[in-house]
Amino acid sequence: HRTLLVDDSEAVLQSAATWGIRWLLTIY
């Protein structure tokens, strides 16, 4: 809940969101 993931992969970000990481950011 106090962690940010920065990743350019939509699939990875979705996996992290499903798992419960609160803060997510992609690279355009």
mmCIF file of all heavy atoms, coordinates in Angstrom:
data_MODEL
# 
_entry.id   MODEL 
# 
loop_
_atom_site.group_PDB 
_atom_site.id 
_atom_site.type_symbol 
_atom_site.label_atom_id 
_atom_site.label_alt_id 
_atom_site.label_comp_id 
_atom_site.label_asym_id 
_atom_site.label_entity_id 
_atom_site.label_seq_id 
_atom_site.pdbx_PDB_ins_code 
_atom_site.Cartn_x 
_atom_site.Cartn_y 
_atom_site.Cartn_z 
_atom_site.occupancy 
_atom_site.B_iso_or_equiv 
_atom_site.pdbx_formal_charge 
_atom_site.auth_seq_id 
_atom_site.auth_comp_id 
_atom_site.auth_asym_id 
_atom_site.auth_atom_id 
_atom_site.pdbx_PDB_model_num 
ATOM 1   N N   . HIS A 1 1  ? 0.817  -1.221  0.000   1.00 0.00 ? 1  HIS A N   1 
ATOM 2   C CA  . HIS A 1 1  ? 0.000  0.000   0.000   1.00 0.00 ? 1  HIS A CA  1 
ATOM 3   C C   . HIS A 1 1  ? 0.852  1.273   0.000   1.00 0.00 ? 1  HIS A C   1 
ATOM 4   O O   . HIS A 1 1  ? 0.341  2.357   -0.235  1.00 0.00 ? 1  HIS A O   1 
ATOM 5   C CB  . HIS A 1 1  ? -0.942 0.006   1.208   1.00 0.00 ? 1  HIS A CB  1 
ATOM 6   C CG  . HIS A 1 1  ? -1.858 -1.175  1.238   1.00 0.00 ? 1  HIS A CG  1 
ATOM 7   N ND1 . HIS A 1 1  ? -2.837 -1.381  0.283   1.00 0.00 ? 1  HIS A ND1 1 
ATOM 8   C CD2 . HIS A 1 1  ? -1.923 -2.233  2.088   1.00 0.00 ? 1  HIS A CD2 1 
ATOM 9   C CE1 . HIS A 1 1  ? -3.478 -2.504  0.554   1.00 0.00 ? 1  HIS A CE1 1 
ATOM 10  N NE2 . HIS A 1 1  ? -2.952 -3.044  1.635   1.00 0.00 ? 1  HIS A NE2 1 
ATOM 11  N N   . ARG A 1 2  ? 2.156  1.113   0.267   1.00 0.00 ? 2  ARG A N   1 
ATOM 12  C CA  . ARG A 1 2  ? 3.067  2.260   0.283   1.00 0.00 ? 2  ARG A CA  1 
ATOM 13  C C   . ARG A 1 2  ? 4.216  2.045   -0.714  1.00 0.00 ? 2  ARG A C   1 
ATOM 14  O O   . ARG A 1 2  ? 5.352  2.462   -0.478  1.00 0.00 ? 2  ARG A O   1 
ATOM 15  C CB  . ARG A 1 2  ? 3.614  2.500   1.696   1.00 0.00 ? 2  ARG A CB  1 
ATOM 16  C CG  . ARG A 1 2  ? 2.527  2.880   2.708   1.00 0.00 ? 2  ARG A CG  1 
ATOM 17  C CD  . ARG A 1 2  ? 3.130  3.245   4.058   1.00 0.00 ? 2  ARG A CD  1 
ATOM 18  N NE  . ARG A 1 2  ? 4.053  4.374   3.970   1.00 0.00 ? 2  ARG A NE  1 
ATOM 19  C CZ  . ARG A 1 2  ? 3.665  5.649   3.970   1.00 0.00 ? 2  ARG A CZ  1 
ATOM 20  N NH1 . ARG A 1 2  ? 2.381  5.974   4.051   1.00 0.00 ? 2  ARG A NH1 1 
ATOM 21  N NH2 . ARG A 1 2  ? 4.573  6.617   3.894   1.00 0.00 ? 2  ARG A NH2 1 
ATOM 22  N N   . THR A 1 3  ? 3.863  1.393   -1.819  1.00 0.00 ? 3  THR A N   1 
ATOM 23  C CA  . THR A 1 3  ? 4.855  1.062   -2.850  1.00 0.00 ? 3  THR A CA  1 
ATOM 24  C C   . THR A 1 3  ? 4.391  1.563   -4.213  1.00 0.00 ? 3  THR A C   1 
ATOM 25  O O   . THR A 1 3  ? 3.222  1.455   -4.560  1.00 0.00 ? 3  THR A O   1 
ATOM 26  C CB  . THR A 1 3  ? 5.078  -0.467  -2.897  1.00 0.00 ? 3  THR A CB  1 
ATOM 27  O OG1 . THR A 1 3  ? 5.671  -0.881  -1.661  1.00 0.00 ? 3  THR A OG1 1 
ATOM 28  C CG2 . THR A 1 3  ? 5.991  -0.863  -4.044  1.00 0.00 ? 3  THR A CG2 1 
ATOM 29  N N   . LEU A 1 4  ? 5.351  2.092   -4.971  1.00 0.00 ? 4  LEU A N   1 
ATOM 30  C CA  . LEU A 1 4  ? 5.126  2.527   -6.355  1.00 0.00 ? 4  LEU A CA  1 
ATOM 31  C C   . LEU A 1 4  ? 5.887  1.606   -7.289  1.00 0.00 ? 4  LEU A C   1 
ATOM 32  O O   . LEU A 1 4  ? 7.066  1.322   -7.053  1.00 0.00 ? 4  LEU A O   1 
ATOM 33  C CB  . LEU A 1 4  ? 5.620  3.965   -6.544  1.00 0.00 ? 4  LEU A CB  1 
ATOM 34  C CG  . LEU A 1 4  ? 5.783  4.465   -7.994  1.00 0.00 ? 4  LEU A CG  1 
ATOM 35  C CD1 . LEU A 1 4  ? 4.435  4.588   -8.693  1.00 0.00 ? 4  LEU A CD1 1 
ATOM 36  C CD2 . LEU A 1 4  ? 6.538  5.800   -8.017  1.00 0.00 ? 4  LEU A CD2 1 
ATOM 37  N N   . LEU A 1 5  ? 5.224  1.134   -8.350  1.00 0.00 ? 5  LEU A N   1 
ATOM 38  C CA  . LEU A 1 5  ? 5.890  0.406   -9.432  1.00 0.00 ? 5  LEU A CA  1 
ATOM 39  C C   . LEU A 1 5  ? 5.856  1.283   -10.680 1.00 0.00 ? 5  LEU A C   1 
ATOM 40  O O   . LEU A 1 5  ? 4.789  1.767   -11.080 1.00 0.00 ? 5  LEU A O   1 
ATOM 41  C CB  . LEU A 1 5  ? 5.183  -0.918  -9.725  1.00 0.00 ? 5  LEU A CB  1 
ATOM 42  C CG  . LEU A 1 5  ? 5.644  -1.628  -11.011 1.00 0.00 ? 5  LEU A CG  1 
ATOM 43  C CD1 . LEU A 1 5  ? 7.085  -2.117  -10.892 1.00 0.00 ? 5  LEU A CD1 1 
ATOM 44  C CD2 . LEU A 1 5  ? 4.710  -2.796  -11.367 1.00 0.00 ? 5  LEU A CD2 1 
ATOM 45  N N   . VAL A 1 6  ? 7.018  1.478   -11.298 1.00 0.00 ? 6  VAL A N   1 
ATOM 46  C CA  . VAL A 1 6  ? 7.105  2.179   -12.578 1.00 0.00 ? 6  VAL A CA  1 
ATOM 47  C C   . VAL A 1 6  ? 7.565  1.171   -13.619 1.00 0.00 ? 6  VAL A C   1 
ATOM 48  O O   . VAL A 1 6  ? 8.632  0.566   -13.477 1.00 0.00 ? 6  VAL A O   1 
ATOM 49  C CB  . VAL A 1 6  ? 8.091  3.363   -12.530 1.00 0.00 ? 6  VAL A CB  1 
ATOM 50  C CG1 . VAL A 1 6  ? 7.983  4.184   -13.817 1.00 0.00 ? 6  VAL A CG1 1 
ATOM 51  C CG2 . VAL A 1 6  ? 7.844  4.241   -11.313 1.00 0.00 ? 6  VAL A CG2 1 
ATOM 52  N N   . ASP A 1 7  ? 6.753  0.982   -14.667 1.00 0.00 ? 7  ASP A N   1 
ATOM 53  C CA  . ASP A 1 7  ? 7.038  -0.056  -15.665 1.00 0.00 ? 7  ASP A CA  1 
ATOM 54  C C   . ASP A 1 7  ? 6.407  0.357   -16.990 1.00 0.00 ? 7  ASP A C   1 
ATOM 55  O O   . ASP A 1 7  ? 5.331  0.978   -16.995 1.00 0.00 ? 7  ASP A O   1 
ATOM 56  C CB  . ASP A 1 7  ? 6.452  -1.399  -15.200 1.00 0.00 ? 7  ASP A CB  1 
ATOM 57  C CG  . ASP A 1 7  ? 7.127  -2.608  -15.830 1.00 0.00 ? 7  ASP A CG  1 
ATOM 58  O OD1 . ASP A 1 7  ? 7.098  -2.727  -17.074 1.00 0.00 ? 7  ASP A OD1 1 
ATOM 59  O OD2 . ASP A 1 7  ? 7.676  -3.417  -15.072 1.00 0.00 ? 7  ASP A OD2 1 
ATOM 60  N N   . ASP A 1 8  ? 7.041  0.015   -18.095 1.00 0.00 ? 8  ASP A N   1 
ATOM 61  C CA  . ASP A 1 8  ? 6.476  0.381   -19.401 1.00 0.00 ? 8  ASP A CA  1 
ATOM 62  C C   . ASP A 1 8  ? 5.567  -0.704  -19.963 1.00 0.00 ? 8  ASP A C   1 
ATOM 63  O O   . ASP A 1 8  ? 5.005  -0.538  -21.046 1.00 0.00 ? 8  ASP A O   1 
ATOM 64  C CB  . ASP A 1 8  ? 7.591  0.699   -20.409 1.00 0.00 ? 8  ASP A CB  1 
ATOM 65  C CG  . ASP A 1 8  ? 8.436  -0.520  -20.749 1.00 0.00 ? 8  ASP A CG  1 
ATOM 66  O OD1 . ASP A 1 8  ? 8.843  -1.246  -19.823 1.00 0.00 ? 8  ASP A OD1 1 
ATOM 67  O OD2 . ASP A 1 8  ? 8.696  -0.748  -21.938 1.00 0.00 ? 8  ASP A OD2 1 
ATOM 68  N N   . SER A 1 9  ? 5.413  -1.811  -19.257 1.00 0.00 ? 9  SER A N   1 
ATOM 69  C CA  . SER A 1 9  ? 4.590  -2.923  -19.734 1.00 0.00 ? 9  SER A CA  1 
ATOM 70  C C   . SER A 1 9  ? 3.197  -2.896  -19.114 1.00 0.00 ? 9  SER A C   1 
ATOM 71  O O   . SER A 1 9  ? 3.047  -2.969  -17.885 1.00 0.00 ? 9  SER A O   1 
ATOM 72  C CB  . SER A 1 9  ? 5.259  -4.256  -19.391 1.00 0.00 ? 9  SER A CB  1 
ATOM 73  O OG  . SER A 1 9  ? 4.359  -5.338  -19.537 1.00 0.00 ? 9  SER A OG  1 
ATOM 74  N N   . GLU A 1 10 ? 2.185  -2.833  -19.957 1.00 0.00 ? 10 GLU A N   1 
ATOM 75  C CA  . GLU A 1 10 ? 0.807  -2.857  -19.469 1.00 0.00 ? 10 GLU A CA  1 
ATOM 76  C C   . GLU A 1 10 ? 0.493  -4.178  -18.756 1.00 0.00 ? 10 GLU A C   1 
ATOM 77  O O   . GLU A 1 10 ? -0.189 -4.197  -17.735 1.00 0.00 ? 10 GLU A O   1 
ATOM 78  C CB  . GLU A 1 10 ? -0.166 -2.665  -20.642 1.00 0.00 ? 10 GLU A CB  1 
ATOM 79  C CG  . GLU A 1 10 ? -0.177 -1.281  -21.226 1.00 0.00 ? 10 GLU A CG  1 
ATOM 80  C CD  . GLU A 1 10 ? -0.886 -0.274  -20.347 1.00 0.00 ? 10 GLU A CD  1 
ATOM 81  O OE1 . GLU A 1 10 ? -2.082 -0.456  -20.041 1.00 0.00 ? 10 GLU A OE1 1 
ATOM 82  O OE2 . GLU A 1 10 ? -0.229 0.716   -19.961 1.00 0.00 ? 10 GLU A OE2 1 
ATOM 83  N N   . ALA A 1 11 ? 1.003  -5.280  -19.309 1.00 0.00 ? 11 ALA A N   1 
ATOM 84  C CA  . ALA A 1 11 ? 0.727  -6.589  -18.714 1.00 0.00 ? 11 ALA A CA  1 
ATOM 85  C C   . ALA A 1 11 ? 1.320  -6.697  -17.316 1.00 0.00 ? 11 ALA A C   1 
ATOM 86  O O   . ALA A 1 11 ? 0.706  -7.258  -16.399 1.00 0.00 ? 11 ALA A O   1 
ATOM 87  C CB  . ALA A 1 11 ? 1.274  -7.700  -19.604 1.00 0.00 ? 11 ALA A CB  1 
ATOM 88  N N   . VAL A 1 12 ? 2.518  -6.158  -17.138 1.00 0.00 ? 12 VAL A N   1 
ATOM 89  C CA  . VAL A 1 12 ? 3.164  -6.196  -15.821 1.00 0.00 ? 12 VAL A CA  1 
ATOM 90  C C   . VAL A 1 12 ? 2.429  -5.291  -14.840 1.00 0.00 ? 12 VAL A C   1 
ATOM 91  O O   . VAL A 1 12 ? 2.190  -5.662  -13.685 1.00 0.00 ? 12 VAL A O   1 
ATOM 92  C CB  . VAL A 1 12 ? 4.650  -5.808  -15.934 1.00 0.00 ? 12 VAL A CB  1 
ATOM 93  C CG1 . VAL A 1 12 ? 5.262  -5.600  -14.551 1.00 0.00 ? 12 VAL A CG1 1 
ATOM 94  C CG2 . VAL A 1 12 ? 5.418  -6.877  -16.697 1.00 0.00 ? 12 VAL A CG2 1 
ATOM 95  N N   . LEU A 1 13 ? 2.067  -4.100  -15.285 1.00 0.00 ? 13 LEU A N   1 
ATOM 96  C CA  . LEU A 1 13 ? 1.323  -3.191  -14.415 1.00 0.00 ? 13 LEU A CA  1 
ATOM 97  C C   . LEU A 1 13 ? -0.017 -3.787  -13.991 1.00 0.00 ? 13 LEU A C   1 
ATOM 98  O O   . LEU A 1 13 ? -0.429 -3.670  -12.834 1.00 0.00 ? 13 LEU A O   1 
ATOM 99  C CB  . LEU A 1 13 ? 1.112  -1.851  -15.113 1.00 0.00 ? 13 LEU A CB  1 
ATOM 100 C CG  . LEU A 1 13 ? 2.365  -0.988  -15.281 1.00 0.00 ? 13 LEU A CG  1 
ATOM 101 C CD1 . LEU A 1 13 ? 2.117  0.135   -16.283 1.00 0.00 ? 13 LEU A CD1 1 
ATOM 102 C CD2 . LEU A 1 13 ? 2.816  -0.412  -13.945 1.00 0.00 ? 13 LEU A CD2 1 
ATOM 103 N N   . GLN A 1 14 ? -0.679 -4.470  -14.910 1.00 0.00 ? 14 GLN A N   1 
ATOM 104 C CA  . GLN A 1 14 ? -1.956 -5.103  -14.572 1.00 0.00 ? 14 GLN A CA  1 
ATOM 105 C C   . GLN A 1 14 ? -1.747 -6.233  -13.574 1.00 0.00 ? 14 GLN A C   1 
ATOM 106 O O   . GLN A 1 14 ? -2.544 -6.416  -12.643 1.00 0.00 ? 14 GLN A O   1 
ATOM 107 C CB  . GLN A 1 14 ? -2.638 -5.633  -15.836 1.00 0.00 ? 14 GLN A CB  1 
ATOM 108 C CG  . GLN A 1 14 ? -4.047 -6.160  -15.588 1.00 0.00 ? 14 GLN A CG  1 
ATOM 109 C CD  . GLN A 1 14 ? -4.942 -5.116  -14.945 1.00 0.00 ? 14 GLN A CD  1 
ATOM 110 O OE1 . GLN A 1 14 ? -5.202 -4.050  -15.523 1.00 0.00 ? 14 GLN A OE1 1 
ATOM 111 N NE2 . GLN A 1 14 ? -5.429 -5.396  -13.731 1.00 0.00 ? 14 GLN A NE2 1 
ATOM 112 N N   . SER A 1 15 ? -0.675 -6.985  -13.753 1.00 0.00 ? 15 SER A N   1 
ATOM 113 C CA  . SER A 1 15 ? -0.349 -8.053  -12.808 1.00 0.00 ? 15 SER A CA  1 
ATOM 114 C C   . SER A 1 15 ? -0.119 -7.480  -11.413 1.00 0.00 ? 15 SER A C   1 
ATOM 115 O O   . SER A 1 15 ? -0.628 -8.004  -10.415 1.00 0.00 ? 15 SER A O   1 
ATOM 116 C CB  . SER A 1 15 ? 0.902  -8.802  -13.281 1.00 0.00 ? 15 SER A CB  1 
ATOM 117 O OG  . SER A 1 15 ? 1.350  -9.726  -12.305 1.00 0.00 ? 15 SER A OG  1 
ATOM 118 N N   . ALA A 1 16 ? 0.634  -6.385  -11.346 1.00 0.00 ? 16 ALA A N   1 
ATOM 119 C CA  . ALA A 1 16 ? 0.913  -5.750  -10.054 1.00 0.00 ? 16 ALA A CA  1 
ATOM 120 C C   . ALA A 1 16 ? -0.357 -5.175  -9.437  1.00 0.00 ? 16 ALA A C   1 
ATOM 121 O O   . ALA A 1 16 ? -0.553 -5.244  -8.221  1.00 0.00 ? 16 ALA A O   1 
ATOM 122 C CB  . ALA A 1 16 ? 1.961  -4.652  -10.234 1.00 0.00 ? 16 ALA A CB  1 
ATOM 123 N N   . ALA A 1 17 ? -1.230 -4.613  -10.277 1.00 0.00 ? 17 ALA A N   1 
ATOM 124 C CA  . ALA A 1 17 ? -2.500 -4.067  -9.776  1.00 0.00 ? 17 ALA A CA  1 
ATOM 125 C C   . ALA A 1 17 ? -3.369 -5.173  -9.196  1.00 0.00 ? 17 ALA A C   1 
ATOM 126 O O   . ALA A 1 17 ? -3.959 -5.020  -8.115  1.00 0.00 ? 17 ALA A O   1 
ATOM 127 C CB  . ALA A 1 17 ? -3.239 -3.345  -10.906 1.00 0.00 ? 17 ALA A CB  1 
ATOM 128 N N   . THR A 1 18 ? -3.442 -6.290  -9.897  1.00 0.00 ? 18 THR A N   1 
ATOM 129 C CA  . THR A 1 18 ? -4.222 -7.432  -9.416  1.00 0.00 ? 18 THR A CA  1 
ATOM 130 C C   . THR A 1 18 ? -3.680 -7.933  -8.086  1.00 0.00 ? 18 THR A C   1 
ATOM 131 O O   . THR A 1 18 ? -4.441 -8.286  -7.173  1.00 0.00 ? 18 THR A O   1 
ATOM 132 C CB  . THR A 1 18 ? -4.188 -8.565  -10.456 1.00 0.00 ? 18 THR A CB  1 
ATOM 133 O OG1 . THR A 1 18 ? -4.754 -8.089  -11.680 1.00 0.00 ? 18 THR A OG1 1 
ATOM 134 C CG2 . THR A 1 18 ? -4.957 -9.783  -9.980  1.00 0.00 ? 18 THR A CG2 1 
ATOM 135 N N   . TRP A 1 19 ? -2.358 -7.939  -7.965  1.00 0.00 ? 19 TRP A N   1 
ATOM 136 C CA  . TRP A 1 19 ? -1.716 -8.428  -6.741  1.00 0.00 ? 19 TRP A CA  1 
ATOM 137 C C   . TRP A 1 19 ? -1.907 -7.456  -5.584  1.00 0.00 ? 19 TRP A C   1 
ATOM 138 O O   . TRP A 1 19 ? -1.886 -7.868  -4.424  1.00 0.00 ? 19 TRP A O   1 
ATOM 139 C CB  . TRP A 1 19 ? -0.231 -8.666  -7.007  1.00 0.00 ? 19 TRP A CB  1 
ATOM 140 C CG  . TRP A 1 19 ? 0.476  -9.352  -5.880  1.00 0.00 ? 19 TRP A CG  1 
ATOM 141 C CD1 . TRP A 1 19 ? 0.449  -10.685 -5.560  1.00 0.00 ? 19 TRP A CD1 1 
ATOM 142 C CD2 . TRP A 1 19 ? 1.312  -8.724  -4.912  1.00 0.00 ? 19 TRP A CD2 1 
ATOM 143 N NE1 . TRP A 1 19 ? 1.231  -10.933 -4.448  1.00 0.00 ? 19 TRP A NE1 1 
ATOM 144 C CE2 . TRP A 1 19 ? 1.769  -9.743  -4.037  1.00 0.00 ? 19 TRP A CE2 1 
ATOM 145 C CE3 . TRP A 1 19 ? 1.730  -7.412  -4.695  1.00 0.00 ? 19 TRP A CE3 1 
ATOM 146 C CZ2 . TRP A 1 19 ? 2.621  -9.485  -2.972  1.00 0.00 ? 19 TRP A CZ2 1 
ATOM 147 C CZ3 . TRP A 1 19 ? 2.580  -7.152  -3.626  1.00 0.00 ? 19 TRP A CZ3 1 
ATOM 148 C CH2 . TRP A 1 19 ? 3.019  -8.179  -2.779  1.00 0.00 ? 19 TRP A CH2 1 
ATOM 149 N N   . GLY A 1 20 ? -2.083 -6.172  -5.894  1.00 0.00 ? 20 GLY A N   1 
ATOM 150 C CA  . GLY A 1 20 ? -2.405 -5.239  -4.828  1.00 0.00 ? 20 GLY A CA  1 
ATOM 151 C C   . GLY A 1 20 ? -1.463 -4.073  -4.621  1.00 0.00 ? 20 GLY A C   1 
ATOM 152 O O   . GLY A 1 20 ? -1.625 -3.313  -3.657  1.00 0.00 ? 20 GLY A O   1 
ATOM 153 N N   . ILE A 1 21 ? -0.482 -3.890  -5.510  1.00 0.00 ? 21 ILE A N   1 
ATOM 154 C CA  . ILE A 1 21 ? 0.383  -2.712  -5.386  1.00 0.00 ? 21 ILE A CA  1 
ATOM 155 C C   . ILE A 1 21 ? -0.459 -1.466  -5.656  1.00 0.00 ? 21 ILE A C   1 
ATOM 156 O O   . ILE A 1 21 ? -1.144 -1.378  -6.679  1.00 0.00 ? 21 ILE A O   1 
ATOM 157 C CB  . ILE A 1 21 ? 1.589  -2.808  -6.328  1.00 0.00 ? 21 ILE A CB  1 
ATOM 158 C CG1 . ILE A 1 21 ? 2.531  -3.921  -5.835  1.00 0.00 ? 21 ILE A CG1 1 
ATOM 159 C CG2 . ILE A 1 21 ? 2.345  -1.471  -6.394  1.00 0.00 ? 21 ILE A CG2 1 
ATOM 160 C CD1 . ILE A 1 21 ? 3.755  -4.125  -6.674  1.00 0.00 ? 21 ILE A CD1 1 
ATOM 161 N N   . ARG A 1 22 ? -0.383 -0.509  -4.749  1.00 0.00 ? 22 ARG A N   1 
ATOM 162 C CA  . ARG A 1 22 ? -1.307 0.630   -4.814  1.00 0.00 ? 22 ARG A CA  1 
ATOM 163 C C   . ARG A 1 22 ? -0.938 1.647   -5.900  1.00 0.00 ? 22 ARG A C   1 
ATOM 164 O O   . ARG A 1 22 ? -1.799 2.123   -6.639  1.00 0.00 ? 22 ARG A O   1 
ATOM 165 C CB  . ARG A 1 22 ? -1.339 1.345   -3.464  1.00 0.00 ? 22 ARG A CB  1 
ATOM 166 C CG  . ARG A 1 22 ? -2.267 2.557   -3.481  1.00 0.00 ? 22 ARG A CG  1 
ATOM 167 C CD  . ARG A 1 22 ? -2.301 3.253   -2.135  1.00 0.00 ? 22 ARG A CD  1 
ATOM 168 N NE  . ARG A 1 22 ? -3.180 4.426   -2.173  1.00 0.00 ? 22 ARG A NE  1 
ATOM 169 C CZ  . ARG A 1 22 ? -3.298 5.306   -1.195  1.00 0.00 ? 22 ARG A CZ  1 
ATOM 170 N NH1 . ARG A 1 22 ? -2.597 5.133   -0.079  1.00 0.00 ? 22 ARG A NH1 1 
ATOM 171 N NH2 . ARG A 1 22 ? -4.103 6.345   -1.316  1.00 0.00 ? 22 ARG A NH2 1 
ATOM 172 N N   . TRP A 1 23 ? 0.347  2.001   -5.965  1.00 0.00 ? 23 TRP A N   1 
ATOM 173 C CA  . TRP A 1 23 ? 0.764  3.089   -6.844  1.00 0.00 ? 23 TRP A CA  1 
ATOM 174 C C   . TRP A 1 23 ? 1.434  2.517   -8.100  1.00 0.00 ? 23 TRP A C   1 
ATOM 175 O O   . TRP A 1 23 ? 2.405  1.765   -7.999  1.00 0.00 ? 23 TRP A O   1 
ATOM 176 C CB  . TRP A 1 23 ? 1.728  4.030   -6.110  1.00 0.00 ? 23 TRP A CB  1 
ATOM 177 C CG  . TRP A 1 23 ? 1.102  4.655   -4.906  1.00 0.00 ? 23 TRP A CG  1 
ATOM 178 C CD1 . TRP A 1 23 ? 1.230  4.247   -3.606  1.00 0.00 ? 23 TRP A CD1 1 
ATOM 179 C CD2 . TRP A 1 23 ? 0.225  5.784   -4.893  1.00 0.00 ? 23 TRP A CD2 1 
ATOM 180 N NE1 . TRP A 1 23 ? 0.488  5.058   -2.781  1.00 0.00 ? 23 TRP A NE1 1 
ATOM 181 C CE2 . TRP A 1 23 ? -0.132 6.014   -3.540  1.00 0.00 ? 23 TRP A CE2 1 
ATOM 182 C CE3 . TRP A 1 23 ? -0.286 6.632   -5.873  1.00 0.00 ? 23 TRP A CE3 1 
ATOM 183 C CZ2 . TRP A 1 23 ? -0.986 7.040   -3.158  1.00 0.00 ? 23 TRP A CZ2 1 
ATOM 184 C CZ3 . TRP A 1 23 ? -1.134 7.663   -5.492  1.00 0.00 ? 23 TRP A CZ3 1 
ATOM 185 C CH2 . TRP A 1 23 ? -1.465 7.856   -4.151  1.00 0.00 ? 23 TRP A CH2 1 
ATOM 186 N N   . LEU A 1 24 ? 0.909  2.875   -9.257  1.00 0.00 ? 24 LEU A N   1 
ATOM 187 C CA  . LEU A 1 24 ? 1.382  2.321   -10.520 1.00 0.00 ? 24 LEU A CA  1 
ATOM 188 C C   . LEU A 1 24 ? 1.545  3.439   -11.541 1.00 0.00 ? 24 LEU A C   1 
ATOM 189 O O   . LEU A 1 24 ? 0.699  4.322   -11.651 1.00 0.00 ? 24 LEU A O   1 
ATOM 190 C CB  . LEU A 1 24 ? 0.393  1.278   -11.055 1.00 0.00 ? 24 LEU A CB  1 
ATOM 191 C CG  . LEU A 1 24 ? 0.127  0.104   -10.111 1.00 0.00 ? 24 LEU A CG  1 
ATOM 192 C CD1 . LEU A 1 24 ? -1.170 -0.605  -10.481 1.00 0.00 ? 24 LEU A CD1 1 
ATOM 193 C CD2 . LEU A 1 24 ? 1.290  -0.878  -10.136 1.00 0.00 ? 24 LEU A CD2 1 
ATOM 194 N N   . LEU A 1 25 ? 2.633  3.367   -12.297 1.00 0.00 ? 25 LEU A N   1 
ATOM 195 C CA  . LEU A 1 25 ? 2.947  4.425   -13.251 1.00 0.00 ? 25 LEU A CA  1 
ATOM 196 C C   . LEU A 1 25 ? 3.575  3.799   -14.491 1.00 0.00 ? 25 LEU A C   1 
ATOM 197 O O   . LEU A 1 25 ? 4.463  2.942   -14.380 1.00 0.00 ? 25 LEU A O   1 
ATOM 198 C CB  . LEU A 1 25 ? 3.935  5.394   -12.603 1.00 0.00 ? 25 LEU A CB  1 
ATOM 199 C CG  . LEU A 1 25 ? 4.071  6.805   -13.155 1.00 0.00 ? 25 LEU A CG  1 
ATOM 200 C CD1 . LEU A 1 25 ? 2.752  7.573   -13.035 1.00 0.00 ? 25 LEU A CD1 1 
ATOM 201 C CD2 . LEU A 1 25 ? 5.181  7.538   -12.399 1.00 0.00 ? 25 LEU A CD2 1 
ATOM 202 N N   . THR A 1 26 ? 3.116  4.223   -15.657 1.00 0.00 ? 26 THR A N   1 
ATOM 203 C CA  . THR A 1 26 ? 3.698  3.715   -16.898 1.00 0.00 ? 26 THR A CA  1 
ATOM 204 C C   . THR A 1 26 ? 4.609  4.757   -17.529 1.00 0.00 ? 26 THR A C   1 
ATOM 205 O O   . THR A 1 26 ? 4.646  5.918   -17.102 1.00 0.00 ? 26 THR A O   1 
ATOM 206 C CB  . THR A 1 26 ? 2.599  3.294   -17.898 1.00 0.00 ? 26 THR A CB  1 
ATOM 207 O OG1 . THR A 1 26 ? 3.198  2.528   -18.954 1.00 0.00 ? 26 THR A OG1 1 
ATOM 208 C CG2 . THR A 1 26 ? 1.889  4.504   -18.498 1.00 0.00 ? 26 THR A CG2 1 
ATOM 209 N N   . ILE A 1 27 ? 5.362  4.320   -18.528 1.00 0.00 ? 27 ILE A N   1 
ATOM 210 C CA  . ILE A 1 27 ? 6.269  5.193   -19.279 1.00 0.00 ? 27 ILE A CA  1 
ATOM 211 C C   . ILE A 1 27 ? 5.729  5.307   -20.701 1.00 0.00 ? 27 ILE A C   1 
ATOM 212 O O   . ILE A 1 27 ? 5.557  4.296   -21.394 1.00 0.00 ? 27 ILE A O   1 
ATOM 213 C CB  . ILE A 1 27 ? 7.699  4.617   -19.306 1.00 0.00 ? 27 ILE A CB  1 
ATOM 214 C CG1 . ILE A 1 27 ? 8.275  4.523   -17.895 1.00 0.00 ? 27 ILE A CG1 1 
ATOM 215 C CG2 . ILE A 1 27 ? 8.606  5.451   -20.217 1.00 0.00 ? 27 ILE A CG2 1 
ATOM 216 C CD1 . ILE A 1 27 ? 8.568  5.850   -17.234 1.00 0.00 ? 27 ILE A CD1 1 
ATOM 217 N N   . TYR A 1 28 ? 5.469  6.530   -21.145 1.00 0.00 ? 28 TYR A N   1 
ATOM 218 C CA  . TYR A 1 28 ? 4.894  6.739   -22.470 1.00 0.00 ? 28 TYR A CA  1 
ATOM 219 C C   . TYR A 1 28 ? 5.922  6.702   -23.601 1.00 0.00 ? 28 TYR A C   1 
ATOM 220 O O   . TYR A 1 28 ? 5.558  6.524   -24.754 1.00 0.00 ? 28 TYR A O   1 
ATOM 221 C CB  . TYR A 1 28 ? 4.164  8.088   -22.525 1.00 0.00 ? 28 TYR A CB  1 
ATOM 222 C CG  . TYR A 1 28 ? 2.908  8.155   -21.696 1.00 0.00 ? 28 TYR A CG  1 
ATOM 223 C CD1 . TYR A 1 28 ? 2.656  9.264   -20.890 1.00 0.00 ? 28 TYR A CD1 1 
ATOM 224 C CD2 . TYR A 1 28 ? 1.967  7.123   -21.702 1.00 0.00 ? 28 TYR A CD2 1 
ATOM 225 C CE1 . TYR A 1 28 ? 1.499  9.347   -20.130 1.00 0.00 ? 28 TYR A CE1 1 
ATOM 226 C CE2 . TYR A 1 28 ? 0.818  7.199   -20.949 1.00 0.00 ? 28 TYR A CE2 1 
ATOM 227 C CZ  . TYR A 1 28 ? 0.589  8.313   -20.157 1.00 0.00 ? 28 TYR A CZ  1 
ATOM 228 O OH  . TYR A 1 28 ? -0.553 8.391   -19.398 1.00 0.00 ? 28 TYR A OH  1 
# 
